[in-house]
Amino acid sequence: GAPVAETALVENATVAAAVVFRRWSS
C-alpha cells in the first residue's frame, strides 16, 4: 500500500535495516 516514489527494492531485511541505521547514525 505504498507509493512507488517512496519505495525501493534492496537485497534483504538486514540491508534495509542498515539503510535506516545509516540515516540515523548521521
PDB file of all heavy atoms in Angstrom:
ATOM      1  N   GLY A   1       0.790  -1.222   0.000  1.00  0.00           N
ATOM      2  CA  GLY A   1       0.000   0.000   0.000  1.00  0.00           C
ATOM      3  C   GLY A   1       0.817   1.265   0.000  1.00  0.00           C
ATOM      4  O   GLY A   1       0.401   2.286   0.573  1.00  0.00           O
ATOM      5  N   ALA A   2       1.977   1.238  -0.653  1.00  0.00           N
ATOM      6  CA  ALA A   2       2.887   2.385  -0.639  1.00  0.00           C
ATOM      7  C   ALA A   2       2.992   3.034  -2.019  1.00  0.00           C
ATOM      8  O   ALA A   2       2.912   2.345  -3.039  1.00  0.00           O
ATOM      9  CB  ALA A   2       4.275   1.947  -0.177  1.00  0.00           C
ATOM     10  N   PRO A   3       3.217   4.333  -2.094  1.00  0.00           N
ATOM     11  CA  PRO A   3       3.510   4.978  -3.372  1.00  0.00           C
ATOM     12  C   PRO A   3       4.844   4.480  -3.922  1.00  0.00           C
ATOM     13  O   PRO A   3       5.796   4.268  -3.156  1.00  0.00           O
ATOM     14  CB  PRO A   3       3.587   6.470  -3.021  1.00  0.00           C
ATOM     15  CG  PRO A   3       2.904   6.595  -1.694  1.00  0.00           C
ATOM     16  CD  PRO A   3       3.144   5.304  -0.989  1.00  0.00           C
ATOM     17  N   VAL A   4       4.930   4.321  -5.230  1.00  0.00           N
ATOM     18  CA  VAL A   4       6.177   3.836  -5.835  1.00  0.00           C
ATOM     19  C   VAL A   4       7.327   4.799  -5.543  1.00  0.00           C
ATOM     20  O   VAL A   4       8.470   4.371  -5.314  1.00  0.00           O
ATOM     21  CB  VAL A   4       6.005   3.650  -7.354  1.00  0.00           C
ATOM     22  CG1 VAL A   4       7.310   3.198  -7.998  1.00  0.00           C
ATOM     23  CG2 VAL A   4       4.898   2.658  -7.650  1.00  0.00           C
ATOM     24  N   ALA A   5       7.050   6.094  -5.526  1.00  0.00           N
ATOM     25  CA  ALA A   5       8.097   7.090  -5.302  1.00  0.00           C
ATOM     26  C   ALA A   5       8.732   6.982  -3.926  1.00  0.00           C
ATOM     27  O   ALA A   5       9.840   7.486  -3.703  1.00  0.00           O
ATOM     28  CB  ALA A   5       7.536   8.495  -5.498  1.00  0.00           C
ATOM     29  N   GLU A   6       8.053   6.313  -2.991  1.00  0.00           N
ATOM     30  CA  GLU A   6       8.571   6.153  -1.626  1.00  0.00           C
ATOM     31  C   GLU A   6       9.077   4.738  -1.373  1.00  0.00           C
ATOM     32  O   GLU A   6       9.282   4.343  -0.228  1.00  0.00           O
ATOM     33  CB  GLU A   6       7.469   6.485  -0.612  1.00  0.00           C
ATOM     34  CG  GLU A   6       6.957   7.910  -0.703  1.00  0.00           C
ATOM     35  CD  GLU A   6       5.778   8.179   0.219  1.00  0.00           C
ATOM     36  OE1 GLU A   6       5.322   7.221   0.892  1.00  0.00           O
ATOM     37  OE2 GLU A   6       5.307   9.319   0.259  1.00  0.00           O
ATOM     38  N   THR A   7       9.306   3.973  -2.449  1.00  0.00           N
ATOM     39  CA  THR A   7       9.600   2.550  -2.307  1.00  0.00           C
ATOM     40  C   THR A   7      10.841   2.176  -3.104  1.00  0.00           C
ATOM     41  O   THR A   7      11.083   2.704  -4.184  1.00  0.00           O
ATOM     42  CB  THR A   7       8.406   1.707  -2.797  1.00  0.00           C
ATOM     43  OG1 THR A   7       7.219   2.144  -2.129  1.00  0.00           O
ATOM     44  CG2 THR A   7       8.618   0.230  -2.523  1.00  0.00           C
ATOM     45  N   ALA A   8      11.619   1.250  -2.556  1.00  0.00           N
ATOM     46  CA  ALA A   8      12.795   0.727  -3.251  1.00  0.00           C
ATOM     47  C   ALA A   8      12.920  -0.760  -2.960  1.00  0.00           C
ATOM     48  O   ALA A   8      12.351  -1.267  -1.983  1.00  0.00           O
ATOM     49  CB  ALA A   8      14.063   1.454  -2.799  1.00  0.00           C
ATOM     50  N   LEU A   9      13.657  -1.456  -3.810  1.00  0.00           N
ATOM     51  CA  LEU A   9      13.992  -2.853  -3.579  1.00  0.00           C
ATOM     52  C   LEU A   9      15.452  -2.932  -3.150  1.00  0.00           C
ATOM     53  O   LEU A   9      16.322  -2.329  -3.767  1.00  0.00           O
ATOM     54  CB  LEU A   9      13.768  -3.693  -4.838  1.00  0.00           C
ATOM     55  CG  LEU A   9      12.332  -3.811  -5.336  1.00  0.00           C
ATOM     56  CD1 LEU A   9      12.296  -4.629  -6.629  1.00  0.00           C
ATOM     57  CD2 LEU A   9      11.434  -4.445  -4.283  1.00  0.00           C
ATOM     58  N   VAL A  10      15.709  -3.695  -2.087  1.00  0.00           N
ATOM     59  CA  VAL A  10      17.081  -3.937  -1.629  1.00  0.00           C
ATOM     60  C   VAL A  10      17.259  -5.445  -1.448  1.00  0.00           C
ATOM     61  O   VAL A  10      16.328  -6.219  -1.644  1.00  0.00           O
ATOM     62  CB  VAL A  10      17.388  -3.183  -0.317  1.00  0.00           C
ATOM     63  CG1 VAL A  10      17.322  -1.682  -0.541  1.00  0.00           C
ATOM     64  CG2 VAL A  10      16.426  -3.592   0.795  1.00  0.00           C
ATOM     65  N   GLU A  11      18.477  -5.864  -1.069  1.00  0.00           N
ATOM     66  CA  GLU A  11      18.800  -7.293  -1.079  1.00  0.00           C
ATOM     67  C   GLU A  11      18.054  -8.105  -0.038  1.00  0.00           C
ATOM     68  O   GLU A  11      17.562  -9.193  -0.317  1.00  0.00           O
ATOM     69  CB  GLU A  11      20.314  -7.489  -0.878  1.00  0.00           C
ATOM     70  CG  GLU A  11      21.167  -6.966  -2.013  1.00  0.00           C
ATOM     71  CD  GLU A  11      21.614  -5.535  -1.820  1.00  0.00           C
ATOM     72  OE1 GLU A  11      20.869  -4.744  -1.207  1.00  0.00           O
ATOM     73  OE2 GLU A  11      22.714  -5.183  -2.286  1.00  0.00           O
ATOM     74  N   ASN A  12      17.990  -7.621   1.196  1.00  0.00           N
ATOM     75  CA  ASN A  12      17.315  -8.363   2.254  1.00  0.00           C
ATOM     76  C   ASN A  12      16.999  -7.419   3.402  1.00  0.00           C
ATOM     77  O   ASN A  12      17.335  -6.224   3.354  1.00  0.00           O
ATOM     78  CB  ASN A  12      18.154  -9.562   2.732  1.00  0.00           C
ATOM     79  CG  ASN A  12      19.544  -9.156   3.178  1.00  0.00           C
ATOM     80  OD1 ASN A  12      19.713  -8.179   3.915  1.00  0.00           O
ATOM     81  ND2 ASN A  12      20.560  -9.882   2.736  1.00  0.00           N
ATOM     82  N   ALA A  13      16.329  -7.935   4.419  1.00  0.00           N
ATOM     83  CA  ALA A  13      15.868  -7.090   5.513  1.00  0.00           C
ATOM     84  C   ALA A  13      17.026  -6.526   6.334  1.00  0.00           C
ATOM     85  O   ALA A  13      16.926  -5.417   6.866  1.00  0.00           O
ATOM     86  CB  ALA A  13      14.919  -7.870   6.418  1.00  0.00           C
ATOM     87  N   THR A  14      18.113  -7.258   6.445  1.00  0.00           N
ATOM     88  CA  THR A  14      19.264  -6.750   7.183  1.00  0.00           C
ATOM     89  C   THR A  14      19.870  -5.550   6.469  1.00  0.00           C
ATOM     90  O   THR A  14      20.289  -4.570   7.118  1.00  0.00           O
ATOM     91  CB  THR A  14      20.314  -7.854   7.374  1.00  0.00           C
ATOM     92  OG1 THR A  14      19.696  -8.986   8.009  1.00  0.00           O
ATOM     93  CG2 THR A  14      21.457  -7.378   8.245  1.00  0.00           C
ATOM     94  N   VAL A  15      19.918  -5.598   5.133  1.00  0.00           N
ATOM     95  CA  VAL A  15      20.379  -4.439   4.357  1.00  0.00           C
ATOM     96  C   VAL A  15      19.432  -3.262   4.563  1.00  0.00           C
ATOM     97  O   VAL A  15      19.866  -2.115   4.734  1.00  0.00           O
ATOM     98  CB  VAL A  15      20.502  -4.800   2.869  1.00  0.00           C
ATOM     99  CG1 VAL A  15      20.737  -3.551   2.023  1.00  0.00           C
ATOM    100  CG2 VAL A  15      21.636  -5.795   2.654  1.00  0.00           C
ATOM    101  N   ALA A  16      18.126  -3.523   4.549  1.00  0.00           N
ATOM    102  CA  ALA A  16      17.155  -2.453   4.768  1.00  0.00           C
ATOM    103  C   ALA A  16      17.365  -1.800   6.126  1.00  0.00           C
ATOM    104  O   ALA A  16      17.321  -0.567   6.251  1.00  0.00           O
ATOM    105  CB  ALA A  16      15.742  -2.999   4.648  1.00  0.00           C
ATOM    106  N   ALA A  17      17.597  -2.616   7.153  1.00  0.00           N
ATOM    107  CA  ALA A  17      17.854  -2.059   8.486  1.00  0.00           C
ATOM    108  C   ALA A  17      19.118  -1.215   8.476  1.00  0.00           C
ATOM    109  O   ALA A  17      19.163  -0.140   9.095  1.00  0.00           O
ATOM    110  CB  ALA A  17      17.975  -3.187   9.506  1.00  0.00           C
ATOM    111  N   ALA A  18      20.153  -1.668   7.770  1.00  0.00           N
ATOM    112  CA  ALA A  18      21.401  -0.911   7.689  1.00  0.00           C
ATOM    113  C   ALA A  18      21.191   0.429   6.986  1.00  0.00           C
ATOM    114  O   ALA A  18      21.817   1.437   7.345  1.00  0.00           O
ATOM    115  CB  ALA A  18      22.462  -1.730   6.968  1.00  0.00           C
ATOM    116  N   VAL A  19      20.309   0.453   5.973  1.00  0.00           N
ATOM    117  CA  VAL A  19      19.975   1.698   5.290  1.00  0.00           C
ATOM    118  C   VAL A  19      19.353   2.682   6.272  1.00  0.00           C
ATOM    119  O   VAL A  19      19.704   3.865   6.308  1.00  0.00           O
ATOM    120  CB  VAL A  19      19.017   1.426   4.109  1.00  0.00           C
ATOM    121  CG1 VAL A  19      18.429   2.725   3.568  1.00  0.00           C
ATOM    122  CG2 VAL A  19      19.744   0.692   2.988  1.00  0.00           C
ATOM    123  N   VAL A  20      18.429   2.195   7.091  1.00  0.00           N
ATOM    124  CA  VAL A  20      17.797   3.045   8.095  1.00  0.00           C
ATOM    125  C   VAL A  20      18.828   3.525   9.109  1.00  0.00           C
ATOM    126  O   VAL A  20      18.896   4.717   9.445  1.00  0.00           O
ATOM    127  CB  VAL A  20      16.660   2.284   8.806  1.00  0.00           C
ATOM    128  CG1 VAL A  20      16.076   3.128   9.941  1.00  0.00           C
ATOM    129  CG2 VAL A  20      15.563   1.907   7.808  1.00  0.00           C
ATOM    130  N   PHE A  21      19.662   2.620   9.594  1.00  0.00           N
ATOM    131  CA  PHE A  21      20.670   2.988  10.593  1.00  0.00           C
ATOM    132  C   PHE A  21      21.678   3.986  10.020  1.00  0.00           C
ATOM    133  O   PHE A  21      22.199   4.841  10.747  1.00  0.00           O
ATOM    134  CB  PHE A  21      21.391   1.742  11.094  1.00  0.00           C
ATOM    135  CG  PHE A  21      20.520   0.822  11.909  1.00  0.00           C
ATOM    136  CD1 PHE A  21      20.794  -0.545  11.974  1.00  0.00           C
ATOM    137  CD2 PHE A  21      19.426   1.304  12.617  1.00  0.00           C
ATOM    138  CE1 PHE A  21      19.996  -1.401  12.721  1.00  0.00           C
ATOM    139  CE2 PHE A  21      18.623   0.454  13.368  1.00  0.00           C
ATOM    140  CZ  PHE A  21      18.909  -0.903  13.417  1.00  0.00           C
ATOM    141  N   ARG A  22      21.943   3.876   8.738  1.00  0.00           N
ATOM    142  CA  ARG A  22      22.874   4.822   8.107  1.00  0.00           C
ATOM    143  C   ARG A  22      22.342   6.244   8.221  1.00  0.00           C
ATOM    144  O   ARG A  22      23.083   7.179   8.487  1.00  0.00           O
ATOM    145  CB  ARG A  22      23.081   4.445   6.646  1.00  0.00           C
ATOM    146  CG  ARG A  22      24.075   5.340   5.910  1.00  0.00           C
ATOM    147  CD  ARG A  22      24.134   4.978   4.441  1.00  0.00           C
ATOM    148  NE  ARG A  22      25.064   5.821   3.715  1.00  0.00           N
ATOM    149  CZ  ARG A  22      24.968   6.114   2.427  1.00  0.00           C
ATOM    150  NH1 ARG A  22      23.950   5.625   1.738  1.00  0.00           N
ATOM    151  NH2 ARG A  22      25.849   6.873   1.827  1.00  0.00           N
ATOM    152  N   ARG A  23      21.044   6.402   7.999  1.00  0.00           N
ATOM    153  CA  ARG A  23      20.451   7.736   8.149  1.00  0.00           C
ATOM    154  C   ARG A  23      20.501   8.186   9.606  1.00  0.00           C
ATOM    155  O   ARG A  23      20.902   9.313   9.902  1.00  0.00           O
ATOM    156  CB  ARG A  23      19.012   7.727   7.651  1.00  0.00           C
ATOM    157  CG  ARG A  23      18.262   9.028   7.951  1.00  0.00           C
ATOM    158  CD  ARG A  23      16.822   8.985   7.515  1.00  0.00           C
ATOM    159  NE  ARG A  23      16.069  10.087   8.090  1.00  0.00           N
ATOM    160  CZ  ARG A  23      16.017  11.318   7.585  1.00  0.00           C
ATOM    161  NH1 ARG A  23      16.685  11.604   6.487  1.00  0.00           N
ATOM    162  NH2 ARG A  23      15.307  12.269   8.172  1.00  0.00           N
ATOM    163  N   TRP A  24      20.109   7.299  10.514  1.00  0.00           N
ATOM    164  CA  TRP A  24      20.075   7.679  11.918  1.00  0.00           C
ATOM    165  C   TRP A  24      21.462   7.989  12.465  1.00  0.00           C
ATOM    166  O   TRP A  24      21.622   8.859  13.315  1.00  0.00           O
ATOM    167  CB  TRP A  24      19.427   6.564  12.730  1.00  0.00           C
ATOM    168  CG  TRP A  24      17.953   6.405  12.481  1.00  0.00           C
ATOM    169  CD1 TRP A  24      17.147   7.222  11.738  1.00  0.00           C
ATOM    170  CD2 TRP A  24      17.111   5.362  12.980  1.00  0.00           C
ATOM    171  NE1 TRP A  24      15.854   6.745  11.735  1.00  0.00           N
ATOM    172  CE2 TRP A  24      15.802   5.608  12.492  1.00  0.00           C
ATOM    173  CE3 TRP A  24      17.336   4.233  13.770  1.00  0.00           C
ATOM    174  CZ2 TRP A  24      14.728   4.771  12.787  1.00  0.00           C
ATOM    175  CZ3 TRP A  24      16.260   3.399  14.063  1.00  0.00           C
ATOM    176  CH2 TRP A  24      14.972   3.671  13.582  1.00  0.00           C
ATOM    177  N   SER A  25      22.470   7.282  11.979  1.00  0.00           N
ATOM    178  CA  SER A  25      23.824   7.479  12.519  1.00  0.00           C
ATOM    179  C   SER A  25      24.419   8.817  12.117  1.00  0.00           C
ATOM    180  O   SER A  25      25.446   9.229  12.670  1.00  0.00           O
ATOM    181  CB  SER A  25      24.752   6.346  12.067  1.00  0.00           C
ATOM    182  OG  SER A  25      24.925   6.359  10.665  1.00  0.00           O
ATOM    183  N   SER A  26      23.799   9.522  11.176  1.00  0.00           N
ATOM    184  CA  SER A  26      24.285  10.855  10.814  1.00  0.00           C
ATOM    185  C   SER A  26      24.047  11.854  11.951  1.00  0.00           C
ATOM    186  O   SER A  26      24.659  12.913  12.001  1.00  0.00           O
ATOM    187  CB  SER A  26      23.610  11.349   9.529  1.00  0.00           C
ATOM    188  OG  SER A  26      22.212  11.529   9.726  1.00  0.00           O
TER     189      SER A  26
END
